[in-house]
Amino acid sequence: MQAVQTLMKVFVTRRIPQEGMKILSQAGVCDVSLWDSDEPVPRAELLKGVEGAHGILCLLSDKIDAELLDAAGPNLKVISTLSVGFDHMAMDEIKKRGIRVGYTPDVLTDATAELTVALLLAAARRLPEGVEEVKNGGWSSWKPLWLCGYGLSGSTVGVIGLGRIGLAIAKRLKAFGVKRLLYSGRTAKAYAGEVDGEFVPLDTLVSESDFVVVSCSLTPDTQGMCDQAFFSKMKKTAIFVNSSRGSVVNQEDLYQALSKGHLAAAGLDVTTPEPLPTNHPLLTLKNCVVLPHIGSATYSTRGVMAELSARNLLGGLQGTDMPSELTF
């Protein structure tokens, strides 16, 4: 008599695109429990949901720490995150326990780069202000200096972190007639030639750029990197854009720089915390465009992210190759 295969327990921490759920349900190797909501799972429910799990499919908003790993127990083989970032996970603890980790790089590069360019243009050309003026009756007639902003043609753009996404942003911005493309990071990149990128010290990038785009990873070195000293070196006509991680920016220092005219404008797709409280000082400024972390928010990108997360999870459960495994 053939033994009945015991299904491995998987906890999915949020409602994800159906492309991913379909792959998990058709695999025939896992029993999936889902926190069936668009809102984050409460901590207590998360700890309860992962009990005895062999695999967890999580999001950036789920704190994967020692407490959660203890709650899951010794069965846990794999954690698959629906993100390219992994600063929500205690990697040392995960490594110590021999748990494999999957993530979703590459697939969100184009969507995030497009959104970053849109955010830069919105801040530089004062689009939200313009929309508001149309709605509130402020649009009276054509005026030569009304709602003037800054253009990319002939400008100097600085990209902090010329990785996959940074390079994709740079390629798109170059098409606008950017004159110089500066970049800064840990090392010079061989592929920077694709955008005629000049590798320069951070101070040079900050002081010479008309547009500063942050696209680096969150590390101890980059935590709070964009602070008062950083903003004071920027041109008063410069635009600052961050689509990496909120913690890279000291938001109080950014508020001071924007409100005192030390900086022309800023565009943020990431903040600390997320969501940003509606009474936050940055939201009182006309020259600060804040988006709700929608860098990868296209239907196709989110669908592909869900598929990749599911395949990473299955690879970890079955002890086979994962399409995108985080090595550490």
C-alpha atoms as a PDB file:
ATOM      1  CA  MET A   1       0.000   0.000   0.000  1.00  0.00           C
ATOM      2  CA  GLN A   2       1.433   3.383  -1.031  1.00  0.00           C
ATOM      3  CA  ALA A   3       2.143   5.809   1.800  1.00  0.00           C
ATOM      4  CA  VAL A   4       0.196   9.050   1.749  1.00  0.00           C
ATOM      5  CA  GLN A   5       2.495  12.027   1.270  1.00  0.00           C
ATOM      6  CA  THR A   6       2.343  14.501   4.129  1.00  0.00           C
ATOM      7  CA  LEU A   7       1.944  18.038   2.837  1.00  0.00           C
ATOM      8  CA  MET A   8       4.361  20.655   4.122  1.00  0.00           C
ATOM      9  CA  LYS A   9       2.831  23.616   5.927  1.00  0.00           C
ATOM     10  CA  VAL A  10       3.232  27.033   4.305  1.00  0.00           C
ATOM     11  CA  PHE A  11       2.086  30.356   5.742  1.00  0.00           C
ATOM     12  CA  VAL A  12       1.503  33.246   3.326  1.00  0.00           C
ATOM     13  CA  THR A  13       1.400  36.513   5.265  1.00  0.00           C
ATOM     14  CA  ARG A  14      -0.826  38.503   2.886  1.00  0.00           C
ATOM     15  CA  ARG A  15      -3.184  38.231  -0.049  1.00  0.00           C
ATOM     16  CA  ILE A  16      -0.841  38.090  -3.059  1.00  0.00           C
ATOM     17  CA  PRO A  17      -1.478  38.080  -6.833  1.00  0.00           C
ATOM     18  CA  GLN A  18      -3.222  34.895  -7.994  1.00  0.00           C
ATOM     19  CA  GLU A  19      -0.286  33.971 -10.234  1.00  0.00           C
ATOM     20  CA  GLY A  20       1.665  33.017  -7.109  1.00  0.00           C
ATOM     21  CA  MET A  21      -1.157  31.257  -5.275  1.00  0.00           C
ATOM     22  CA  LYS A  22      -1.904  29.169  -8.378  1.00  0.00           C
ATOM     23  CA  ILE A  23       1.668  27.852  -8.495  1.00  0.00           C
ATOM     24  CA  LEU A  24       1.550  26.882  -4.808  1.00  0.00           C
ATOM     25  CA  SER A  25      -1.837  25.175  -5.038  1.00  0.00           C
ATOM     26  CA  GLN A  26      -0.903  23.186  -8.158  1.00  0.00           C
ATOM     27  CA  ALA A  27       2.458  21.997  -6.792  1.00  0.00           C
ATOM     28  CA  GLY A  28       0.796  19.373  -4.621  1.00  0.00           C
ATOM     29  CA  VAL A  29       3.472  19.509  -1.938  1.00  0.00           C
ATOM     30  CA  CYS A  30       2.199  22.150   0.461  1.00  0.00           C
ATOM     31  CA  ASP A  31      -0.761  22.953   2.662  1.00  0.00           C
ATOM     32  CA  VAL A  32      -1.166  26.722   2.357  1.00  0.00           C
ATOM     33  CA  SER A  33      -2.514  28.956   5.121  1.00  0.00           C
ATOM     34  CA  LEU A  34      -3.145  32.521   3.995  1.00  0.00           C
ATOM     35  CA  TRP A  35      -3.717  35.750   5.884  1.00  0.00           C
ATOM     36  CA  ASP A  36      -6.481  36.666   3.463  1.00  0.00           C
ATOM     37  CA  SER A  37      -6.309  40.448   3.609  1.00  0.00           C
ATOM     38  CA  ASP A  38      -4.705  43.360   1.795  1.00  0.00           C
ATOM     39  CA  GLU A  39      -3.714  44.714   5.205  1.00  0.00           C
ATOM     40  CA  PRO A  40      -0.670  43.431   7.168  1.00  0.00           C
ATOM     41  CA  VAL A  41      -1.144  40.489   9.485  1.00  0.00           C
ATOM     42  CA  PRO A  42      -1.125  41.550  13.179  1.00  0.00           C
ATOM     43  CA  ARG A  43       1.989  40.379  14.996  1.00  0.00           C
ATOM     44  CA  ALA A  44       0.126  37.968  17.271  1.00  0.00           C
ATOM     45  CA  GLU A  45      -1.603  36.362  14.273  1.00  0.00           C
ATOM     46  CA  LEU A  46       1.699  36.165  12.422  1.00  0.00           C
ATOM     47  CA  LEU A  47       3.410  34.341  15.282  1.00  0.00           C
ATOM     48  CA  LYS A  48       0.459  31.976  15.518  1.00  0.00           C
ATOM     49  CA  GLY A  49       0.279  31.437  11.748  1.00  0.00           C
ATOM     50  CA  VAL A  50       3.914  30.380  11.355  1.00  0.00           C
ATOM     51  CA  GLU A  51       3.773  27.688  14.076  1.00  0.00           C
ATOM     52  CA  GLY A  52       5.160  24.465  12.650  1.00  0.00           C
ATOM     53  CA  ALA A  53       5.563  25.978   9.168  1.00  0.00           C
ATOM     54  CA  HIS A  54       8.048  24.497   6.707  1.00  0.00           C
ATOM     55  CA  GLY A  55       7.903  27.629   4.578  1.00  0.00           C
ATOM     56  CA  ILE A  56       6.892  31.285   4.916  1.00  0.00           C
ATOM     57  CA  LEU A  57       6.038  33.649   2.072  1.00  0.00           C
ATOM     58  CA  CYS A  58       6.301  37.157   3.509  1.00  0.00           C
ATOM     59  CA  LEU A  59       6.350  40.860   2.622  1.00  0.00           C
ATOM     60  CA  LEU A  60       8.573  43.811   3.558  1.00  0.00           C
ATOM     61  CA  SER A  61       6.145  44.757   6.319  1.00  0.00           C
ATOM     62  CA  ASP A  62       6.627  41.455   8.173  1.00  0.00           C
ATOM     63  CA  LYS A  63       9.404  41.520  10.763  1.00  0.00           C
ATOM     64  CA  ILE A  64      11.228  38.201  10.500  1.00  0.00           C
ATOM     65  CA  ASP A  65      13.250  38.085  13.721  1.00  0.00           C
ATOM     66  CA  ALA A  66      14.405  35.541  16.305  1.00  0.00           C
ATOM     67  CA  GLU A  67      11.008  35.608  18.046  1.00  0.00           C
ATOM     68  CA  LEU A  68       9.238  34.662  14.816  1.00  0.00           C
ATOM     69  CA  LEU A  69      11.794  31.974  13.959  1.00  0.00           C
ATOM     70  CA  ASP A  70      11.336  30.487  17.427  1.00  0.00           C
ATOM     71  CA  ALA A  71       7.568  30.560  16.960  1.00  0.00           C
ATOM     72  CA  ALA A  72       7.897  28.739  13.638  1.00  0.00           C
ATOM     73  CA  GLY A  73      10.062  26.031  15.151  1.00  0.00           C
ATOM     74  CA  PRO A  74      12.573  23.543  13.732  1.00  0.00           C
ATOM     75  CA  ASN A  75      10.515  22.583  10.647  1.00  0.00           C
ATOM     76  CA  LEU A  76      11.200  25.910   8.923  1.00  0.00           C
ATOM     77  CA  LYS A  77      13.251  25.360   5.764  1.00  0.00           C
ATOM     78  CA  VAL A  78      12.648  28.442   3.656  1.00  0.00           C
ATOM     79  CA  ILE A  79      11.512  32.074   3.773  1.00  0.00           C
ATOM     80  CA  SER A  80      10.484  33.659   0.487  1.00  0.00           C
ATOM     81  CA  THR A  81       9.989  37.426   0.475  1.00  0.00           C
ATOM     82  CA  LEU A  82       7.904  39.238  -2.134  1.00  0.00           C
ATOM     83  CA  SER A  83      10.532  41.984  -2.417  1.00  0.00           C
ATOM     84  CA  VAL A  84      14.035  42.761  -3.549  1.00  0.00           C
ATOM     85  CA  GLY A  85      14.833  44.297  -0.140  1.00  0.00           C
ATOM     86  CA  PHE A  86      15.505  42.098   2.867  1.00  0.00           C
ATOM     87  CA  ASP A  87      16.223  44.515   5.712  1.00  0.00           C
ATOM     88  CA  HIS A  88      13.034  43.281   7.427  1.00  0.00           C
ATOM     89  CA  MET A  89      14.760  39.962   8.095  1.00  0.00           C
ATOM     90  CA  ALA A  90      17.308  39.107  10.804  1.00  0.00           C
ATOM     91  CA  MET A  91      19.756  37.511   8.379  1.00  0.00           C
ATOM     92  CA  ASP A  92      22.250  36.421  11.058  1.00  0.00           C
ATOM     93  CA  GLU A  93      19.553  34.470  12.906  1.00  0.00           C
ATOM     94  CA  ILE A  94      18.253  32.960   9.673  1.00  0.00           C
ATOM     95  CA  LYS A  95      21.738  31.893   8.586  1.00  0.00           C
ATOM     96  CA  LYS A  96      22.481  30.425  12.003  1.00  0.00           C
ATOM     97  CA  ARG A  97      19.452  28.150  11.653  1.00  0.00           C
ATOM     98  CA  GLY A  98      20.295  27.065   8.114  1.00  0.00           C
ATOM     99  CA  ILE A  99      17.108  28.493   6.613  1.00  0.00           C
ATOM    100  CA  ARG A 100      17.169  29.328   2.889  1.00  0.00           C
ATOM    101  CA  VAL A 101      15.917  32.698   1.664  1.00  0.00           C
ATOM    102  CA  GLY A 102      14.346  33.658  -1.669  1.00  0.00           C
ATOM    103  CA  TYR A 103      13.781  37.207  -2.944  1.00  0.00           C
ATOM    104  CA  THR A 104      12.662  38.955  -6.141  1.00  0.00           C
ATOM    105  CA  PRO A 105      15.442  40.995  -7.778  1.00  0.00           C
ATOM    106  CA  ASP A 106      15.466  41.957 -11.472  1.00  0.00           C
ATOM    107  CA  VAL A 107      11.718  41.516 -12.062  1.00  0.00           C
ATOM    108  CA  LEU A 108      10.841  44.888 -10.513  1.00  0.00           C
ATOM    109  CA  THR A 109      13.771  46.831 -11.974  1.00  0.00           C
ATOM    110  CA  ASP A 110      11.938  48.411 -14.921  1.00  0.00           C
ATOM    111  CA  ALA A 111       8.797  49.295 -12.975  1.00  0.00           C
ATOM    112  CA  THR A 112      10.793  50.904 -10.156  1.00  0.00           C
ATOM    113  CA  ALA A 113      13.005  52.819 -12.583  1.00  0.00           C
ATOM    114  CA  GLU A 114       9.957  54.156 -14.449  1.00  0.00           C
ATOM    115  CA  LEU A 115       8.300  55.244 -11.203  1.00  0.00           C
ATOM    116  CA  THR A 116      11.506  56.953 -10.044  1.00  0.00           C
ATOM    117  CA  VAL A 117      11.679  58.970 -13.267  1.00  0.00           C
ATOM    118  CA  ALA A 118       7.987  59.871 -12.911  1.00  0.00           C
ATOM    119  CA  LEU A 119       8.601  60.986  -9.328  1.00  0.00           C
ATOM    120  CA  LEU A 120      11.614  63.057 -10.339  1.00  0.00           C
ATOM    121  CA  LEU A 121       9.622  64.800 -13.072  1.00  0.00           C
ATOM    122  CA  ALA A 122       6.652  65.350 -10.755  1.00  0.00           C
ATOM    123  CA  ALA A 123       8.881  67.055  -8.172  1.00  0.00           C
ATOM    124  CA  ALA A 124      10.999  68.995 -10.692  1.00  0.00           C
ATOM    125  CA  ARG A 125       8.083  70.233 -12.809  1.00  0.00           C
ATOM    126  CA  ARG A 126       5.742  70.742  -9.820  1.00  0.00           C
ATOM    127  CA  LEU A 127       3.002  68.502 -11.197  1.00  0.00           C
ATOM    128  CA  PRO A 128       1.048  67.971  -7.939  1.00  0.00           C
ATOM    129  CA  GLU A 129       0.995  71.740  -7.396  1.00  0.00           C
ATOM    130  CA  GLY A 130      -0.294  72.252 -10.933  1.00  0.00           C
ATOM    131  CA  VAL A 131      -3.075  69.699 -10.488  1.00  0.00           C
ATOM    132  CA  GLU A 132      -4.085  71.373  -7.225  1.00  0.00           C
ATOM    133  CA  GLU A 133      -4.191  74.831  -8.820  1.00  0.00           C
ATOM    134  CA  VAL A 134      -6.497  73.545 -11.572  1.00  0.00           C
ATOM    135  CA  LYS A 135      -8.814  72.032  -8.959  1.00  0.00           C
ATOM    136  CA  ASN A 136      -8.921  74.996  -6.549  1.00  0.00           C
ATOM    137  CA  GLY A 137      -9.346  77.772  -9.117  1.00  0.00           C
ATOM    138  CA  GLY A 138      -5.786  79.064  -8.934  1.00  0.00           C
ATOM    139  CA  TRP A 139      -5.411  78.802 -12.712  1.00  0.00           C
ATOM    140  CA  SER A 140      -6.336  82.296 -13.904  1.00  0.00           C
ATOM    141  CA  SER A 141      -4.278  82.923 -17.027  1.00  0.00           C
ATOM    142  CA  TRP A 142      -0.920  82.087 -18.587  1.00  0.00           C
ATOM    143  CA  LYS A 143       1.860  83.679 -16.523  1.00  0.00           C
ATOM    144  CA  PRO A 144       5.538  83.581 -17.563  1.00  0.00           C
ATOM    145  CA  LEU A 145       6.967  82.507 -14.196  1.00  0.00           C
ATOM    146  CA  TRP A 146       3.999  80.666 -12.675  1.00  0.00           C
ATOM    147  CA  LEU A 147       4.750  77.072 -11.624  1.00  0.00           C
ATOM    148  CA  CYS A 148       8.188  77.102 -13.251  1.00  0.00           C
ATOM    149  CA  GLY A 149      10.363  74.159 -12.365  1.00  0.00           C
ATOM    150  CA  TYR A 150      13.584  72.523 -13.518  1.00  0.00           C
ATOM    151  CA  GLY A 151      14.294  70.466 -16.648  1.00  0.00           C
ATOM    152  CA  LEU A 152      16.641  67.552 -17.303  1.00  0.00           C
ATOM    153  CA  SER A 153      18.064  68.729 -20.629  1.00  0.00           C
ATOM    154  CA  GLY A 154      21.693  69.771 -20.204  1.00  0.00           C
ATOM    155  CA  SER A 155      21.668  68.906 -16.498  1.00  0.00           C
ATOM    156  CA  THR A 156      23.945  66.878 -14.240  1.00  0.00           C
ATOM    157  CA  VAL A 157      22.313  63.871 -12.599  1.00  0.00           C
ATOM    158  CA  GLY A 158      23.848  61.997  -9.679  1.00  0.00           C
ATOM    159  CA  VAL A 159      22.808  58.427  -8.901  1.00  0.00           C
ATOM    160  CA  ILE A 160      23.788  57.041  -5.516  1.00  0.00           C
ATOM    161  CA  GLY A 161      23.990  53.274  -5.988  1.00  0.00           C
ATOM    162  CA  LEU A 162      24.391  52.233  -9.623  1.00  0.00           C
ATOM    163  CA  GLY A 163      23.052  48.705  -9.205  1.00  0.00           C
ATOM    164  CA  ARG A 164      20.347  47.099 -11.349  1.00  0.00           C
ATOM    165  CA  ILE A 165      17.741  49.732 -10.555  1.00  0.00           C
ATOM    166  CA  GLY A 166      20.198  52.637 -10.488  1.00  0.00           C
ATOM    167  CA  LEU A 167      21.451  51.736 -13.951  1.00  0.00           C
ATOM    168  CA  ALA A 168      17.888  51.391 -15.283  1.00  0.00           C
ATOM    169  CA  ILE A 169      17.049  54.851 -13.879  1.00  0.00           C
ATOM    170  CA  ALA A 170      20.220  56.330 -15.408  1.00  0.00           C
ATOM    171  CA  LYS A 171      19.436  54.869 -18.856  1.00  0.00           C
ATOM    172  CA  ARG A 172      15.982  56.426 -18.835  1.00  0.00           C
ATOM    173  CA  LEU A 173      17.203  59.813 -17.625  1.00  0.00           C
ATOM    174  CA  LYS A 174      19.978  59.977 -20.230  1.00  0.00           C
ATOM    175  CA  ALA A 175      17.263  59.952 -22.907  1.00  0.00           C
ATOM    176  CA  PHE A 176      16.113  63.356 -21.616  1.00  0.00           C
ATOM    177  CA  GLY A 177      19.371  64.980 -22.761  1.00  0.00           C
ATOM    178  CA  VAL A 178      21.260  64.808 -19.463  1.00  0.00           C
ATOM    179  CA  LYS A 179      24.761  66.227 -19.970  1.00  0.00           C
ATOM    180  CA  ARG A 180      26.649  64.464 -17.155  1.00  0.00           C
ATOM    181  CA  LEU A 181      25.786  61.298 -15.246  1.00  0.00           C
ATOM    182  CA  LEU A 182      27.660  60.981 -11.962  1.00  0.00           C
ATOM    183  CA  TYR A 183      27.435  57.977  -9.709  1.00  0.00           C
ATOM    184  CA  SER A 184      28.733  57.006  -6.312  1.00  0.00           C
ATOM    185  CA  GLY A 185      28.888  53.783  -4.333  1.00  0.00           C
ATOM    186  CA  ARG A 186      31.254  51.232  -2.886  1.00  0.00           C
ATOM    187  CA  THR A 187      33.023  50.495  -6.173  1.00  0.00           C
ATOM    188  CA  ALA A 188      33.232  51.656  -9.774  1.00  0.00           C
ATOM    189  CA  LYS A 189      31.030  49.617 -12.137  1.00  0.00           C
ATOM    190  CA  ALA A 190      32.257  48.234 -15.461  1.00  0.00           C
ATOM    191  CA  TYR A 191      28.787  48.661 -16.976  1.00  0.00           C
ATOM    192  CA  ALA A 192      28.683  52.381 -16.099  1.00  0.00           C
ATOM    193  CA  GLY A 193      29.989  52.983 -19.616  1.00  0.00           C
ATOM    194  CA  GLU A 194      26.495  52.165 -20.894  1.00  0.00           C
ATOM    195  CA  VAL A 195      25.381  55.557 -19.545  1.00  0.00           C
ATOM    196  CA  ASP A 196      28.749  57.386 -19.735  1.00  0.00           C
ATOM    197  CA  GLY A 197      28.722  57.342 -15.950  1.00  0.00           C
ATOM    198  CA  GLU A 198      31.504  59.082 -14.014  1.00  0.00           C
ATOM    199  CA  PHE A 199      32.448  57.412 -10.712  1.00  0.00           C
ATOM    200  CA  VAL A 200      32.968  60.224  -8.182  1.00  0.00           C
ATOM    201  CA  PRO A 201      33.184  60.646  -4.398  1.00  0.00           C
ATOM    202  CA  LEU A 202      29.810  61.183  -2.730  1.00  0.00           C
ATOM    203  CA  ASP A 203      30.631  64.803  -1.821  1.00  0.00           C
ATOM    204  CA  THR A 204      31.366  65.601  -5.473  1.00  0.00           C
ATOM    205  CA  LEU A 205      28.123  64.000  -6.615  1.00  0.00           C
ATOM    206  CA  VAL A 206      26.054  65.857  -4.032  1.00  0.00           C
ATOM    207  CA  SER A 207      27.591  69.277  -4.710  1.00  0.00           C
ATOM    208  CA  GLU A 208      27.664  69.111  -8.544  1.00  0.00           C
ATOM    209  CA  SER A 209      24.354  67.407  -9.351  1.00  0.00           C
ATOM    210  CA  ASP A 210      21.156  69.181 -10.365  1.00  0.00           C
ATOM    211  CA  PHE A 211      19.231  66.004  -9.558  1.00  0.00           C
ATOM    212  CA  VAL A 212      20.281  63.533  -6.856  1.00  0.00           C
ATOM    213  CA  VAL A 213      18.660  60.104  -7.060  1.00  0.00           C
ATOM    214  CA  VAL A 214      19.129  57.620  -4.216  1.00  0.00           C
ATOM    215  CA  SER A 215      18.992  54.004  -5.357  1.00  0.00           C
ATOM    216  CA  CYS A 216      21.268  52.207  -2.910  1.00  0.00           C
ATOM    217  CA  SER A 217      20.743  49.344  -0.480  1.00  0.00           C
ATOM    218  CA  LEU A 218      20.068  50.031   3.189  1.00  0.00           C
ATOM    219  CA  THR A 219      23.246  49.169   5.096  1.00  0.00           C
ATOM    220  CA  PRO A 220      24.861  50.478   8.306  1.00  0.00           C
ATOM    221  CA  ASP A 221      26.855  52.846   6.039  1.00  0.00           C
ATOM    222  CA  THR A 222      23.815  54.253   4.223  1.00  0.00           C
ATOM    223  CA  GLN A 223      21.463  54.451   7.238  1.00  0.00           C
ATOM    224  CA  GLY A 224      20.700  58.161   7.748  1.00  0.00           C
ATOM    225  CA  MET A 225      23.263  59.070   5.054  1.00  0.00           C
ATOM    226  CA  CYS A 226      21.106  61.877   3.641  1.00  0.00           C
ATOM    227  CA  ASP A 227      21.267  64.271   6.580  1.00  0.00           C
ATOM    228  CA  GLN A 228      21.785  67.974   7.260  1.00  0.00           C
ATOM    229  CA  ALA A 229      25.447  67.853   6.167  1.00  0.00           C
ATOM    230  CA  PHE A 230      24.425  66.038   2.968  1.00  0.00           C
ATOM    231  CA  PHE A 231      21.631  68.470   2.054  1.00  0.00           C
ATOM    232  CA  SER A 232      23.772  71.524   2.871  1.00  0.00           C
ATOM    233  CA  LYS A 233      26.197  70.501   0.095  1.00  0.00           C
ATOM    234  CA  MET A 234      23.442  70.329  -2.554  1.00  0.00           C
ATOM    235  CA  LYS A 235      22.615  73.208  -4.879  1.00  0.00           C
ATOM    236  CA  LYS A 236      19.650  75.314  -3.785  1.00  0.00           C
ATOM    237  CA  THR A 237      18.115  74.583  -7.200  1.00  0.00           C
ATOM    238  CA  ALA A 238      18.637  70.811  -6.880  1.00  0.00           C
ATOM    239  CA  ILE A 239      15.984  68.097  -6.742  1.00  0.00           C
ATOM    240  CA  PHE A 240      16.349  65.130  -4.363  1.00  0.00           C
ATOM    241  CA  VAL A 241      14.645  61.799  -5.102  1.00  0.00           C
ATOM    242  CA  ASN A 242      14.607  58.625  -2.997  1.00  0.00           C
ATOM    243  CA  SER A 243      13.129  55.328  -4.166  1.00  0.00           C
ATOM    244  CA  SER A 244      15.434  53.031  -2.170  1.00  0.00           C
ATOM    245  CA  ARG A 245      14.656  52.802   1.552  1.00  0.00           C
ATOM    246  CA  GLY A 246      13.179  55.439   3.850  1.00  0.00           C
ATOM    247  CA  SER A 247      15.855  54.998   6.513  1.00  0.00           C
ATOM    248  CA  VAL A 248      18.557  56.279   4.166  1.00  0.00           C
ATOM    249  CA  VAL A 249      17.108  59.770   4.761  1.00  0.00           C
ATOM    250  CA  ASN A 250      16.979  61.832   7.939  1.00  0.00           C
ATOM    251  CA  GLN A 251      13.473  63.184   7.331  1.00  0.00           C
ATOM    252  CA  GLU A 252      13.731  65.997   9.889  1.00  0.00           C
ATOM    253  CA  ASP A 253      16.860  67.281   8.129  1.00  0.00           C
ATOM    254  CA  LEU A 254      15.143  66.971   4.747  1.00  0.00           C
ATOM    255  CA  TYR A 255      12.161  68.954   6.050  1.00  0.00           C
ATOM    256  CA  GLN A 256      14.466  71.729   7.282  1.00  0.00           C
ATOM    257  CA  ALA A 257      16.340  71.855   3.962  1.00  0.00           C
ATOM    258  CA  LEU A 258      13.114  72.051   1.941  1.00  0.00           C
ATOM    259  CA  SER A 259      11.301  74.516   4.189  1.00  0.00           C
ATOM    260  CA  LYS A 260      14.276  76.895   4.415  1.00  0.00           C
ATOM    261  CA  GLY A 261      14.954  76.915   0.674  1.00  0.00           C
ATOM    262  CA  HIS A 262      18.258  75.022   0.829  1.00  0.00           C
ATOM    263  CA  LEU A 263      16.798  72.585  -1.691  1.00  0.00           C
ATOM    264  CA  ALA A 264      14.324  73.149  -4.535  1.00  0.00           C
ATOM    265  CA  ALA A 265      12.192  70.030  -4.155  1.00  0.00           C
ATOM    266  CA  ALA A 266      12.128  66.376  -3.170  1.00  0.00           C
ATOM    267  CA  GLY A 267      10.318  63.247  -4.288  1.00  0.00           C
ATOM    268  CA  LEU A 268       9.989  60.236  -1.986  1.00  0.00           C
ATOM    269  CA  ASP A 269       8.509  56.818  -2.717  1.00  0.00           C
ATOM    270  CA  VAL A 270       9.789  55.468   0.609  1.00  0.00           C
ATOM    271  CA  THR A 271       9.532  56.921   4.102  1.00  0.00           C
ATOM    272  CA  THR A 272      10.055  56.135   7.776  1.00  0.00           C
ATOM    273  CA  PRO A 273       7.679  54.896   8.985  1.00  0.00           C
ATOM    274  CA  GLU A 274       5.458  53.487   6.266  1.00  0.00           C
ATOM    275  CA  PRO A 275       2.761  54.638   6.020  1.00  0.00           C
ATOM    276  CA  LEU A 276       3.873  58.181   6.836  1.00  0.00           C
ATOM    277  CA  PRO A 277       1.479  59.752   9.399  1.00  0.00           C
ATOM    278  CA  THR A 278      -0.895  62.219   7.743  1.00  0.00           C
ATOM    279  CA  ASN A 279       0.257  64.971  10.145  1.00  0.00           C
ATOM    280  CA  HIS A 280       3.934  64.555   9.234  1.00  0.00           C
ATOM    281  CA  PRO A 281       5.677  67.920   8.553  1.00  0.00           C
ATOM    282  CA  LEU A 282       6.884  66.796   5.108  1.00  0.00           C
ATOM    283  CA  LEU A 283       3.274  66.543   3.959  1.00  0.00           C
ATOM    284  CA  THR A 284       2.745  70.256   4.647  1.00  0.00           C
ATOM    285  CA  LEU A 285       5.302  71.217   1.985  1.00  0.00           C
ATOM    286  CA  LYS A 286       4.321  71.988  -1.595  1.00  0.00           C
ATOM    287  CA  ASN A 287       7.835  71.153  -2.779  1.00  0.00           C
ATOM    288  CA  CYS A 288       7.809  67.591  -1.439  1.00  0.00           C
ATOM    289  CA  VAL A 289       6.057  64.845  -3.402  1.00  0.00           C
ATOM    290  CA  VAL A 290       5.441  61.723  -1.306  1.00  0.00           C
ATOM    291  CA  LEU A 291       4.170  58.476  -2.818  1.00  0.00           C
ATOM    292  CA  PRO A 292       3.025  55.350  -0.901  1.00  0.00           C
ATOM    293  CA  HIS A 293       5.908  53.007  -1.860  1.00  0.00           C
ATOM    294  CA  ILE A 294       4.525  52.051  -5.276  1.00  0.00           C
ATOM    295  CA  GLY A 295       7.825  51.580  -7.143  1.00  0.00           C
ATOM    296  CA  SER A 296       6.969  48.087  -8.374  1.00  0.00           C
ATOM    297  CA  ALA A 297       3.214  48.655  -8.633  1.00  0.00           C
ATOM    298  CA  THR A 298       2.348  47.578 -12.137  1.00  0.00           C
ATOM    299  CA  TYR A 299      -0.033  44.650 -12.603  1.00  0.00           C
ATOM    300  CA  SER A 300       2.485  42.653 -14.622  1.00  0.00           C
ATOM    301  CA  THR A 301       5.402  43.269 -12.241  1.00  0.00           C
ATOM    302  CA  ARG A 302       3.477  42.292  -9.130  1.00  0.00           C
ATOM    303  CA  GLY A 303       2.233  39.152 -10.896  1.00  0.00           C
ATOM    304  CA  VAL A 304       5.768  38.123 -11.854  1.00  0.00           C
ATOM    305  CA  MET A 305       6.975  38.883  -8.308  1.00  0.00           C
ATOM    306  CA  ALA A 306       4.286  36.568  -6.917  1.00  0.00           C
ATOM    307  CA  GLU A 307       5.260  33.789  -9.355  1.00  0.00           C
ATOM    308  CA  LEU A 308       8.941  34.115  -8.471  1.00  0.00           C
ATOM    309  CA  SER A 309       8.187  34.134  -4.727  1.00  0.00           C
ATOM    310  CA  ALA A 310       6.150  30.935  -5.105  1.00  0.00           C
ATOM    311  CA  ARG A 311       8.861  29.194  -7.130  1.00  0.00           C
ATOM    312  CA  ASN A 312      11.513  30.255  -4.610  1.00  0.00           C
ATOM    313  CA  LEU A 313       9.380  28.821  -1.826  1.00  0.00           C
ATOM    314  CA  LEU A 314       8.859  25.496  -3.603  1.00  0.00           C
ATOM    315  CA  GLY A 315      12.565  25.185  -4.347  1.00  0.00           C
ATOM    316  CA  GLY A 316      13.353  25.688  -0.677  1.00  0.00           C
ATOM    317  CA  LEU A 317      10.689  23.224   0.464  1.00  0.00           C
ATOM    318  CA  GLN A 318      11.845  20.507  -1.917  1.00  0.00           C
ATOM    319  CA  GLY A 319      15.581  21.067  -1.472  1.00  0.00           C
ATOM    320  CA  THR A 320      16.095  22.023  -5.123  1.00  0.00           C
ATOM    321  CA  ASP A 321      17.411  25.139  -6.848  1.00  0.00           C
ATOM    322  CA  MET A 322      15.580  28.399  -6.144  1.00  0.00           C
ATOM    323  CA  PRO A 323      15.287  30.822  -9.100  1.00  0.00           C
ATOM    324  CA  SER A 324      16.471  33.726  -6.913  1.00  0.00           C
ATOM    325  CA  GLU A 325      18.156  32.616  -3.725  1.00  0.00           C
ATOM    326  CA  LEU A 326      19.765  35.121  -1.414  1.00  0.00           C
ATOM    327  CA  THR A 327      23.267  33.929  -0.611  1.00  0.00           C
ATOM    328  CA  PHE A 328      24.791  35.176   2.610  1.00  0.00           C
END
